[in-house]
Amino acid sequence: MMRALIAGQSDSVALAKLAKGRMRTKIPDLRKALTGRFREHHGFLLKQMLDHVEAQEADIAALDERIEAALAPFVAQLELLATIPGVDHRSAQVILAEIGPDMSVFPTAGHLASWAGVCPGQCDSAGKHGSGKTRAGHRTAVHRPRPDRLEQAHRPTSDSPSRPTPTRPRLPSHHRAPHRRSMTKDCSG
């Protein structure tokens, strides 16, 4: 309908008949909505907007192709992640891009959950219980993947051609070694 308006079609009946799918049931309402003044400059502006939307859709499609190509070596991991309830293909891509395929950097599943910020906090001291609010998590665990980070996931480093470049920062020291003080007394978040 928009392309017909841009081309100069002004008959509301003919424009309404261009409706597809569920919009066909609303043809009388479409006739009313399409009756009005639509001048040449409106058509020009509408064409600019549609061209912009189509250019963005083309950019998104190109990025999707690039992401798929970068994740091609990890198809098995993506399929396994997609078996988790609530995780679709896009979410699996994000998880793999942020965490990486090598889970050996996390000693336990709890360390991974803590790094991602999905386990509740604990603030207990002297028999008093503080907030159990879940912390924000690591800053890279909540962002969408960038195409350059996806490429780094399997780009060799200069010192070891067969070893992939890490896609996330190293774990903070409090995740690697025990504290001197008790973990239950840590209320800093």
N, C-alpha and C. Protein backbone atom coordinates (compact mmCIF):
# COMPACT_ATOMS: atom_id res chain seq x y z
N MET A 1 0.82 -1.18 0.00
CA MET A 1 0.00 0.00 0.00
C MET A 1 0.87 1.25 0.00
N MET A 2 1.93 1.21 0.78
CA MET A 2 2.81 2.38 0.84
C MET A 2 3.49 2.62 -0.50
N ARG A 3 3.93 1.54 -1.13
CA ARG A 3 4.58 1.70 -2.44
C ARG A 3 3.59 2.23 -3.47
N ALA A 4 2.32 1.81 -3.38
CA ALA A 4 1.30 2.31 -4.30
C ALA A 4 1.04 3.80 -4.03
N LEU A 5 1.03 4.19 -2.76
CA LEU A 5 0.88 5.61 -2.43
C LEU A 5 2.03 6.43 -2.99
N ILE A 6 3.24 5.91 -2.86
CA ILE A 6 4.42 6.61 -3.38
C ILE A 6 4.33 6.74 -4.89
N ALA A 7 3.81 5.69 -5.56
CA ALA A 7 3.69 5.70 -7.03
C ALA A 7 2.60 6.63 -7.52
N GLY A 8 1.78 7.17 -6.60
CA GLY A 8 0.76 8.13 -7.01
C GLY A 8 -0.66 7.62 -6.95
N GLN A 9 -0.87 6.39 -6.53
CA GLN A 9 -2.23 5.83 -6.41
C GLN A 9 -2.94 6.55 -5.27
N SER A 10 -4.14 7.06 -5.52
CA SER A 10 -4.87 7.80 -4.48
C SER A 10 -6.26 7.23 -4.22
N ASP A 11 -6.68 6.24 -4.98
CA ASP A 11 -8.00 5.64 -4.80
C ASP A 11 -7.98 4.75 -3.56
N SER A 12 -8.75 5.12 -2.54
CA SER A 12 -8.73 4.38 -1.27
C SER A 12 -9.26 2.95 -1.43
N VAL A 13 -10.20 2.73 -2.33
CA VAL A 13 -10.75 1.39 -2.56
C VAL A 13 -9.66 0.48 -3.15
N ALA A 14 -8.97 0.98 -4.16
CA ALA A 14 -7.90 0.19 -4.79
C ALA A 14 -6.76 -0.06 -3.81
N LEU A 15 -6.43 0.94 -3.01
CA LEU A 15 -5.36 0.78 -2.03
C LEU A 15 -5.74 -0.24 -0.96
N ALA A 16 -6.98 -0.21 -0.49
CA ALA A 16 -7.44 -1.14 0.54
C ALA A 16 -7.42 -2.58 0.02
N LYS A 17 -7.68 -2.77 -1.28
CA LYS A 17 -7.66 -4.13 -1.84
C LYS A 17 -6.26 -4.73 -1.88
N LEU A 18 -5.23 -3.92 -1.68
CA LEU A 18 -3.85 -4.42 -1.65
C LEU A 18 -3.50 -5.08 -0.32
N ALA A 19 -4.42 -5.03 0.65
CA ALA A 19 -4.17 -5.62 1.96
C ALA A 19 -3.96 -7.13 1.84
N LYS A 20 -3.10 -7.65 2.72
CA LYS A 20 -2.80 -9.09 2.71
C LYS A 20 -3.02 -9.67 4.10
N GLY A 21 -3.23 -10.97 4.13
CA GLY A 21 -3.34 -11.70 5.39
C GLY A 21 -4.52 -11.24 6.23
N ARG A 22 -4.26 -11.03 7.52
CA ARG A 22 -5.33 -10.66 8.45
C ARG A 22 -5.85 -9.26 8.20
N MET A 23 -5.11 -8.45 7.47
CA MET A 23 -5.57 -7.09 7.15
C MET A 23 -6.75 -7.11 6.18
N ARG A 24 -6.97 -8.23 5.47
CA ARG A 24 -8.09 -8.31 4.52
C ARG A 24 -9.43 -8.20 5.25
N THR A 25 -9.49 -8.60 6.50
CA THR A 25 -10.74 -8.49 7.26
C THR A 25 -11.04 -7.05 7.65
N LYS A 26 -10.07 -6.17 7.50
CA LYS A 26 -10.24 -4.78 7.92
C LYS A 26 -10.32 -3.82 6.73
N ILE A 27 -10.71 -4.33 5.57
CA ILE A 27 -10.76 -3.49 4.37
C ILE A 27 -11.68 -2.27 4.53
N PRO A 28 -12.86 -2.38 5.15
CA PRO A 28 -13.67 -1.17 5.32
C PRO A 28 -12.96 -0.09 6.15
N ASP A 29 -12.28 -0.51 7.21
CA ASP A 29 -11.52 0.45 8.03
C ASP A 29 -10.35 1.02 7.25
N LEU A 30 -9.71 0.19 6.43
CA LEU A 30 -8.59 0.67 5.61
C LEU A 30 -9.05 1.72 4.61
N ARG A 31 -10.22 1.51 4.02
CA ARG A 31 -10.76 2.51 3.07
C ARG A 31 -10.88 3.88 3.75
N LYS A 32 -11.43 3.86 4.97
CA LYS A 32 -11.59 5.11 5.72
C LYS A 32 -10.21 5.73 6.03
N ALA A 33 -9.27 4.88 6.47
CA ALA A 33 -7.94 5.38 6.84
C ALA A 33 -7.17 5.91 5.64
N LEU A 34 -7.41 5.34 4.46
CA LEU A 34 -6.66 5.74 3.26
C LEU A 34 -7.32 6.89 2.51
N THR A 35 -8.45 7.38 3.01
CA THR A 35 -9.10 8.53 2.40
C THR A 35 -8.52 9.79 3.04
N GLY A 36 -7.98 10.65 2.24
CA GLY A 36 -7.40 11.88 2.77
C GLY A 36 -6.49 12.52 1.76
N ARG A 37 -5.74 13.50 2.23
CA ARG A 37 -4.82 14.21 1.34
C ARG A 37 -3.43 13.61 1.46
N PHE A 38 -2.96 13.04 0.40
CA PHE A 38 -1.60 12.48 0.34
C PHE A 38 -0.94 13.13 -0.87
N ARG A 39 -0.13 14.13 -0.62
CA ARG A 39 0.49 14.91 -1.69
C ARG A 39 1.83 14.30 -2.11
N GLU A 40 2.41 14.89 -3.14
CA GLU A 40 3.69 14.41 -3.67
C GLU A 40 4.79 14.48 -2.62
N HIS A 41 4.81 15.53 -1.81
CA HIS A 41 5.87 15.63 -0.80
C HIS A 41 5.68 14.57 0.29
N HIS A 42 4.44 14.15 0.57
CA HIS A 42 4.22 13.05 1.50
C HIS A 42 4.82 11.76 0.93
N GLY A 43 4.61 11.55 -0.36
CA GLY A 43 5.17 10.38 -1.04
C GLY A 43 6.69 10.38 -0.99
N PHE A 44 7.29 11.57 -1.17
CA PHE A 44 8.75 11.68 -1.10
C PHE A 44 9.25 11.30 0.29
N LEU A 45 8.61 11.84 1.33
CA LEU A 45 9.02 11.54 2.70
C LEU A 45 8.82 10.06 3.03
N LEU A 46 7.69 9.50 2.60
CA LEU A 46 7.43 8.09 2.84
C LEU A 46 8.47 7.21 2.14
N LYS A 47 8.85 7.58 0.93
CA LYS A 47 9.88 6.82 0.20
C LYS A 47 11.21 6.87 0.94
N GLN A 48 11.57 8.04 1.45
CA GLN A 48 12.81 8.16 2.22
C GLN A 48 12.79 7.25 3.44
N MET A 49 11.66 7.22 4.14
CA MET A 49 11.54 6.38 5.33
C MET A 49 11.61 4.89 4.99
N LEU A 50 10.90 4.49 3.94
CA LEU A 50 10.92 3.07 3.54
C LEU A 50 12.31 2.65 3.08
N ASP A 51 12.99 3.53 2.33
CA ASP A 51 14.36 3.22 1.89
C ASP A 51 15.28 3.06 3.09
N HIS A 52 15.10 3.90 4.11
CA HIS A 52 15.93 3.81 5.32
C HIS A 52 15.68 2.49 6.05
N VAL A 53 14.41 2.11 6.19
CA VAL A 53 14.08 0.84 6.86
C VAL A 53 14.66 -0.34 6.08
N GLU A 54 14.53 -0.32 4.76
CA GLU A 54 15.06 -1.41 3.95
C GLU A 54 16.58 -1.49 4.03
N ALA A 55 17.25 -0.33 4.10
CA ALA A 55 18.72 -0.33 4.24
C ALA A 55 19.12 -0.93 5.58
N GLN A 56 18.39 -0.60 6.63
CA GLN A 56 18.70 -1.18 7.94
C GLN A 56 18.43 -2.68 7.96
N GLU A 57 17.37 -3.12 7.31
CA GLU A 57 17.10 -4.55 7.23
C GLU A 57 18.20 -5.28 6.47
N ALA A 58 18.74 -4.65 5.42
CA ALA A 58 19.85 -5.24 4.67
C ALA A 58 21.10 -5.32 5.53
N ASP A 59 21.36 -4.27 6.33
CA ASP A 59 22.51 -4.29 7.24
C ASP A 59 22.37 -5.40 8.28
N ILE A 60 21.17 -5.56 8.82
CA ILE A 60 20.93 -6.61 9.80
C ILE A 60 21.14 -7.99 9.18
N ALA A 61 20.67 -8.18 7.96
CA ALA A 61 20.85 -9.46 7.27
C ALA A 61 22.32 -9.74 7.03
N ALA A 62 23.09 -8.71 6.65
CA ALA A 62 24.53 -8.90 6.43
C ALA A 62 25.24 -9.25 7.73
N LEU A 63 24.85 -8.60 8.83
CA LEU A 63 25.46 -8.92 10.13
C LEU A 63 25.08 -10.33 10.58
N ASP A 64 23.83 -10.72 10.35
CA ASP A 64 23.41 -12.08 10.70
C ASP A 64 24.23 -13.12 9.95
N GLU A 65 24.49 -12.87 8.67
CA GLU A 65 25.32 -13.80 7.89
C GLU A 65 26.73 -13.87 8.46
N ARG A 66 27.27 -12.73 8.84
CA ARG A 66 28.63 -12.69 9.39
C ARG A 66 28.70 -13.42 10.73
N ILE A 67 27.68 -13.24 11.56
CA ILE A 67 27.63 -13.93 12.85
C ILE A 67 27.53 -15.43 12.64
N GLU A 68 26.67 -15.86 11.72
CA GLU A 68 26.54 -17.29 11.42
C GLU A 68 27.86 -17.88 10.94
N ALA A 69 28.57 -17.14 10.09
CA ALA A 69 29.87 -17.62 9.59
C ALA A 69 30.89 -17.72 10.72
N ALA A 70 30.89 -16.73 11.62
CA ALA A 70 31.84 -16.75 12.73
C ALA A 70 31.54 -17.87 13.72
N LEU A 71 30.27 -18.23 13.85
CA LEU A 71 29.88 -19.28 14.79
C LEU A 71 29.81 -20.67 14.15
N ALA A 72 30.15 -20.78 12.88
CA ALA A 72 30.10 -22.07 12.19
C ALA A 72 30.91 -23.16 12.90
N PRO A 73 32.11 -22.86 13.45
CA PRO A 73 32.86 -23.92 14.14
C PRO A 73 32.20 -24.40 15.44
N PHE A 74 31.19 -23.69 15.92
CA PHE A 74 30.59 -24.00 17.21
C PHE A 74 29.14 -24.46 17.09
N VAL A 75 28.78 -25.08 15.98
CA VAL A 75 27.40 -25.51 15.74
C VAL A 75 26.94 -26.49 16.81
N ALA A 76 27.79 -27.42 17.21
CA ALA A 76 27.40 -28.42 18.22
C ALA A 76 27.09 -27.74 19.55
N GLN A 77 27.92 -26.78 19.95
CA GLN A 77 27.69 -26.06 21.20
C GLN A 77 26.39 -25.24 21.14
N LEU A 78 26.13 -24.62 19.97
CA LEU A 78 24.91 -23.83 19.81
C LEU A 78 23.67 -24.72 19.93
N GLU A 79 23.73 -25.89 19.31
CA GLU A 79 22.60 -26.81 19.39
C GLU A 79 22.37 -27.29 20.81
N LEU A 80 23.45 -27.53 21.53
CA LEU A 80 23.34 -27.97 22.92
C LEU A 80 22.76 -26.86 23.79
N LEU A 81 23.22 -25.63 23.60
CA LEU A 81 22.68 -24.50 24.36
C LEU A 81 21.20 -24.27 24.06
N ALA A 82 20.80 -24.50 22.82
CA ALA A 82 19.40 -24.28 22.43
C ALA A 82 18.46 -25.30 23.05
N THR A 83 18.99 -26.38 23.64
CA THR A 83 18.13 -27.35 24.32
C THR A 83 17.70 -26.87 25.71
N ILE A 84 18.32 -25.81 26.21
CA ILE A 84 17.94 -25.25 27.50
C ILE A 84 16.58 -24.57 27.34
N PRO A 85 15.62 -24.84 28.23
CA PRO A 85 14.32 -24.18 28.12
C PRO A 85 14.47 -22.66 28.17
N GLY A 86 13.85 -21.97 27.22
CA GLY A 86 13.90 -20.51 27.16
C GLY A 86 15.07 -19.96 26.37
N VAL A 87 15.95 -20.81 25.88
CA VAL A 87 17.10 -20.35 25.10
C VAL A 87 16.86 -20.70 23.64
N ASP A 88 16.68 -19.68 22.80
CA ASP A 88 16.52 -19.92 21.38
C ASP A 88 17.88 -19.78 20.68
N HIS A 89 17.87 -19.83 19.37
CA HIS A 89 19.13 -19.79 18.61
C HIS A 89 19.88 -18.49 18.87
N ARG A 90 19.18 -17.36 18.88
CA ARG A 90 19.84 -16.06 19.10
C ARG A 90 20.44 -15.98 20.50
N SER A 91 19.69 -16.44 21.50
CA SER A 91 20.21 -16.43 22.87
C SER A 91 21.43 -17.34 23.00
N ALA A 92 21.40 -18.47 22.32
CA ALA A 92 22.55 -19.38 22.34
C ALA A 92 23.77 -18.70 21.72
N GLN A 93 23.57 -17.93 20.66
CA GLN A 93 24.68 -17.20 20.05
C GLN A 93 25.26 -16.19 21.04
N VAL A 94 24.39 -15.48 21.76
CA VAL A 94 24.85 -14.48 22.73
C VAL A 94 25.62 -15.16 23.85
N ILE A 95 25.10 -16.26 24.37
CA ILE A 95 25.78 -16.97 25.46
C ILE A 95 27.16 -17.43 25.00
N LEU A 96 27.23 -18.03 23.83
CA LEU A 96 28.51 -18.52 23.33
C LEU A 96 29.48 -17.38 23.07
N ALA A 97 28.99 -16.27 22.54
CA ALA A 97 29.87 -15.14 22.26
C ALA A 97 30.40 -14.50 23.53
N GLU A 98 29.60 -14.47 24.59
CA GLU A 98 30.02 -13.81 25.83
C GLU A 98 30.86 -14.71 26.71
N ILE A 99 30.50 -15.97 26.81
CA ILE A 99 31.21 -16.87 27.71
C ILE A 99 32.33 -17.61 27.00
N GLY A 100 32.12 -17.95 25.74
CA GLY A 100 33.10 -18.70 24.98
C GLY A 100 32.83 -20.19 25.08
N PRO A 101 33.46 -20.97 24.23
CA PRO A 101 33.19 -22.41 24.23
C PRO A 101 33.97 -23.18 25.30
N ASP A 102 35.00 -22.57 25.89
CA ASP A 102 35.86 -23.27 26.85
C ASP A 102 35.41 -22.98 28.27
N MET A 103 34.79 -23.95 28.92
CA MET A 103 34.29 -23.77 30.27
C MET A 103 35.35 -24.09 31.32
N SER A 104 36.54 -24.51 30.91
CA SER A 104 37.57 -24.88 31.88
C SER A 104 38.08 -23.69 32.68
N VAL A 105 37.82 -22.47 32.24
CA VAL A 105 38.26 -21.29 33.00
C VAL A 105 37.40 -21.08 34.24
N PHE A 106 36.25 -21.75 34.31
CA PHE A 106 35.40 -21.68 35.50
C PHE A 106 35.54 -22.98 36.26
N PRO A 107 36.05 -22.95 37.49
CA PRO A 107 36.24 -24.20 38.24
C PRO A 107 34.94 -24.96 38.46
N THR A 108 33.84 -24.26 38.67
CA THR A 108 32.55 -24.92 38.91
C THR A 108 31.46 -24.14 38.19
N ALA A 109 30.28 -24.75 38.13
CA ALA A 109 29.13 -24.06 37.54
C ALA A 109 28.76 -22.85 38.39
N GLY A 110 29.00 -22.92 39.69
CA GLY A 110 28.73 -21.80 40.58
C GLY A 110 29.59 -20.59 40.25
N HIS A 111 30.83 -20.82 39.85
CA HIS A 111 31.71 -19.71 39.47
C HIS A 111 31.17 -19.01 38.22
N LEU A 112 30.70 -19.80 37.27
CA LEU A 112 30.11 -19.22 36.06
C LEU A 112 28.85 -18.42 36.41
N ALA A 113 27.99 -18.99 37.25
CA ALA A 113 26.77 -18.29 37.64
C ALA A 113 27.10 -17.00 38.39
N SER A 114 28.11 -17.03 39.22
CA SER A 114 28.51 -15.83 39.94
C SER A 114 29.07 -14.78 39.00
N TRP A 115 29.90 -15.21 38.04
CA TRP A 115 30.47 -14.27 37.06
C TRP A 115 29.36 -13.61 36.25
N ALA A 116 28.35 -14.38 35.88
CA ALA A 116 27.26 -13.85 35.08
C ALA A 116 26.27 -13.04 35.91
N GLY A 117 26.34 -13.18 37.24
CA GLY A 117 25.46 -12.42 38.12
C GLY A 117 24.06 -12.99 38.22
N VAL A 118 23.94 -14.31 38.16
CA VAL A 118 22.63 -14.93 38.24
C VAL A 118 22.40 -15.69 39.54
N CYS A 119 23.36 -15.62 40.46
CA CYS A 119 23.12 -16.26 41.75
C CYS A 119 22.86 -15.17 42.79
N PRO A 120 22.01 -15.45 43.78
CA PRO A 120 21.67 -14.43 44.76
C PRO A 120 22.86 -14.04 45.62
N GLY A 121 22.85 -12.81 46.07
CA GLY A 121 23.90 -12.33 46.95
C GLY A 121 23.71 -12.87 48.36
N GLN A 122 24.75 -12.72 49.16
CA GLN A 122 24.67 -13.19 50.55
C GLN A 122 25.39 -12.16 51.41
N CYS A 123 24.68 -11.59 52.35
CA CYS A 123 25.26 -10.60 53.23
C CYS A 123 24.86 -10.92 54.66
N ASP A 124 25.60 -11.82 55.27
CA ASP A 124 25.32 -12.26 56.63
C ASP A 124 26.49 -11.85 57.51
N SER A 125 26.18 -11.30 58.68
CA SER A 125 27.22 -10.93 59.62
C SER A 125 26.63 -10.89 61.02
N ALA A 126 27.29 -11.52 61.95
CA ALA A 126 26.89 -11.53 63.36
C ALA A 126 25.45 -12.02 63.52
N GLY A 127 25.06 -13.00 62.75
CA GLY A 127 23.73 -13.58 62.87
C GLY A 127 22.63 -12.75 62.23
N LYS A 128 23.00 -11.64 61.61
CA LYS A 128 22.00 -10.81 60.93
C LYS A 128 22.09 -11.06 59.44
N HIS A 129 20.95 -11.11 58.80
CA HIS A 129 20.89 -11.40 57.38
C HIS A 129 20.57 -10.13 56.62
N GLY A 130 21.44 -9.79 55.66
CA GLY A 130 21.22 -8.61 54.82
C GLY A 130 20.49 -9.00 53.54
N SER A 131 20.57 -8.15 52.59
CA SER A 131 19.87 -8.35 51.32
C SER A 131 20.44 -9.53 50.56
N GLY A 132 19.57 -10.29 49.92
CA GLY A 132 19.99 -11.39 49.05
C GLY A 132 19.84 -11.01 47.60
N LYS A 133 19.86 -9.69 47.35
CA LYS A 133 19.65 -9.20 45.98
C LYS A 133 20.71 -9.76 45.03
N THR A 134 20.26 -10.15 43.85
CA THR A 134 21.17 -10.65 42.82
C THR A 134 21.96 -9.48 42.27
N ARG A 135 23.27 -9.64 42.21
CA ARG A 135 24.10 -8.54 41.73
C ARG A 135 24.01 -8.40 40.22
N ALA A 136 24.58 -7.34 39.69
CA ALA A 136 24.48 -7.03 38.27
C ALA A 136 25.22 -8.02 37.38
N GLY A 137 26.26 -8.62 37.86
CA GLY A 137 27.04 -9.54 37.03
C GLY A 137 28.13 -8.82 36.27
N HIS A 138 28.94 -9.59 35.58
CA HIS A 138 30.04 -9.01 34.82
C HIS A 138 29.49 -8.19 33.67
N ARG A 139 30.11 -7.07 33.37
CA ARG A 139 29.58 -6.14 32.36
C ARG A 139 29.46 -6.77 30.99
N THR A 140 30.29 -7.73 30.66
CA THR A 140 30.18 -8.35 29.34
C THR A 140 29.14 -9.45 29.29
N ALA A 141 28.66 -9.89 30.46
CA ALA A 141 27.70 -10.99 30.48
C ALA A 141 26.29 -10.52 30.12
N VAL A 142 26.04 -9.22 30.10
CA VAL A 142 24.70 -8.74 29.84
C VAL A 142 24.55 -8.03 28.51
N HIS A 143 25.61 -7.89 27.75
CA HIS A 143 25.54 -7.18 26.48
C HIS A 143 25.40 -8.14 25.31
N ARG A 144 24.87 -7.64 24.20
CA ARG A 144 24.78 -8.43 22.98
C ARG A 144 26.18 -8.59 22.38
N PRO A 145 26.41 -9.67 21.65
CA PRO A 145 27.74 -9.86 21.07
C PRO A 145 28.00 -8.88 19.95
N ARG A 146 29.25 -8.50 19.83
CA ARG A 146 29.67 -7.67 18.71
C ARG A 146 30.34 -8.57 17.69
N PRO A 147 30.17 -8.30 16.39
CA PRO A 147 30.77 -9.17 15.38
C PRO A 147 32.29 -9.32 15.54
N ASP A 148 32.99 -8.25 15.97
CA ASP A 148 34.44 -8.38 16.12
C ASP A 148 34.79 -9.33 17.26
N ARG A 149 33.94 -9.43 18.32
CA ARG A 149 34.21 -10.38 19.39
C ARG A 149 33.95 -11.80 18.94
N LEU A 150 32.99 -11.98 18.04
CA LEU A 150 32.72 -13.31 17.54
C LEU A 150 33.88 -13.82 16.71
N GLU A 151 34.50 -12.92 15.93
CA GLU A 151 35.65 -13.33 15.14
C GLU A 151 36.82 -13.69 16.03
N GLN A 152 37.01 -12.98 17.15
CA GLN A 152 38.12 -13.24 18.04
C GLN A 152 38.01 -14.62 18.68
N ALA A 153 36.81 -15.15 18.74
CA ALA A 153 36.61 -16.43 19.41
C ALA A 153 37.43 -17.56 18.78
N HIS A 154 37.74 -17.45 17.50
CA HIS A 154 38.54 -18.51 16.87
C HIS A 154 39.70 -17.94 16.05
N ARG A 155 40.14 -16.72 16.38
CA ARG A 155 41.31 -16.15 15.72
C ARG A 155 42.55 -16.52 16.54
N PRO A 156 43.58 -17.10 15.91
CA PRO A 156 44.76 -17.50 16.67
C PRO A 156 45.54 -16.28 17.18
N THR A 157 46.18 -16.47 18.35
CA THR A 157 47.03 -15.42 18.88
C THR A 157 48.39 -15.49 18.22
N SER A 158 49.19 -14.45 18.40
CA SER A 158 50.51 -14.42 17.76
C SER A 158 51.46 -15.44 18.37
N ASP A 159 51.33 -15.72 19.68
CA ASP A 159 52.28 -16.64 20.31
C ASP A 159 51.88 -18.10 20.17
N SER A 160 50.63 -18.39 19.87
CA SER A 160 50.18 -19.77 19.72
C SER A 160 49.14 -19.85 18.62
N PRO A 161 49.52 -20.27 17.42
CA PRO A 161 48.58 -20.27 16.30
C PRO A 161 47.38 -21.17 16.49
N SER A 162 47.45 -22.19 17.35
CA SER A 162 46.32 -23.10 17.48
C SER A 162 45.41 -22.74 18.65
N ARG A 163 45.80 -21.79 19.46
CA ARG A 163 45.02 -21.46 20.65
C ARG A 163 44.11 -20.27 20.38
N PRO A 164 42.80 -20.38 20.67
CA PRO A 164 41.89 -19.26 20.40
C PRO A 164 42.10 -18.10 21.38
N THR A 165 41.81 -16.91 20.91
CA THR A 165 41.90 -15.71 21.73
C THR A 165 40.72 -15.70 22.69
N PRO A 166 40.94 -15.40 23.99
CA PRO A 166 39.82 -15.34 24.91
C PRO A 166 38.83 -14.26 24.50
N THR A 167 37.53 -14.53 24.71
CA THR A 167 36.51 -13.55 24.34
C THR A 167 36.01 -12.78 25.55
N ARG A 168 36.60 -12.99 26.70
CA ARG A 168 36.18 -12.26 27.89
C ARG A 168 37.39 -12.08 28.80
N PRO A 169 37.29 -11.15 29.75
CA PRO A 169 38.41 -10.93 30.66
C PRO A 169 38.61 -12.10 31.60
N ARG A 170 39.80 -12.16 32.18
CA ARG A 170 40.08 -13.20 33.17
C ARG A 170 39.19 -13.01 34.38
N LEU A 171 38.99 -14.09 35.13
CA LEU A 171 38.19 -14.01 36.34
C LEU A 171 38.89 -13.14 37.37
N PRO A 172 38.14 -12.36 38.15
CA PRO A 172 38.75 -11.60 39.23
C PRO A 172 39.36 -12.55 40.25
N SER A 173 40.31 -12.05 41.02
CA SER A 173 41.03 -12.90 41.96
C SER A 173 40.11 -13.53 42.99
N HIS A 174 39.01 -12.87 43.37
CA HIS A 174 38.14 -13.47 44.38
C HIS A 174 37.38 -14.68 43.86
N HIS A 175 37.41 -14.91 42.55
CA HIS A 175 36.80 -16.12 42.00
C HIS A 175 37.81 -17.25 41.87
N ARG A 176 39.09 -16.92 41.94
CA ARG A 176 40.12 -17.93 41.73
C ARG A 176 40.73 -18.45 43.03
N ALA A 177 40.79 -17.63 44.05
CA ALA A 177 41.43 -18.04 45.29
C ALA A 177 40.52 -17.69 46.46
N PRO A 178 40.57 -18.45 47.53
CA PRO A 178 39.71 -18.15 48.67
C PRO A 178 40.14 -16.85 49.36
N HIS A 179 39.17 -16.20 49.99
CA HIS A 179 39.45 -14.98 50.75
C HIS A 179 40.13 -15.32 52.06
N ARG A 180 40.81 -14.34 52.62
CA ARG A 180 41.33 -14.53 53.97
C ARG A 180 40.18 -14.54 54.97
N ARG A 181 39.23 -13.64 54.75
CA ARG A 181 38.10 -13.56 55.65
C ARG A 181 36.96 -14.45 55.13
N SER A 182 36.00 -14.67 55.95
CA SER A 182 34.88 -15.55 55.60
C SER A 182 34.02 -14.89 54.51
N MET A 183 33.54 -15.71 53.60
CA MET A 183 32.66 -15.22 52.54
C MET A 183 31.33 -14.72 53.09
N THR A 184 30.88 -15.25 54.22
CA THR A 184 29.59 -14.85 54.77
C THR A 184 29.63 -13.47 55.37
N LYS A 185 30.80 -12.94 55.65
CA LYS A 185 30.90 -11.61 56.22
C LYS A 185 31.10 -10.53 55.17
N ASP A 186 31.16 -10.94 53.90
CA ASP A 186 31.41 -9.97 52.82
C ASP A 186 30.10 -9.35 52.39
N CYS A 187 29.88 -8.10 52.74
CA CYS A 187 28.64 -7.40 52.39
C CYS A 187 28.87 -6.35 51.33
N SER A 188 30.03 -6.37 50.72
CA SER A 188 30.35 -5.32 49.73
C SER A 188 29.67 -5.56 48.40
N GLY A 189 29.12 -6.73 48.15
CA GLY A 189 28.39 -7.00 46.90
C GLY A 189 29.28 -7.60 45.94
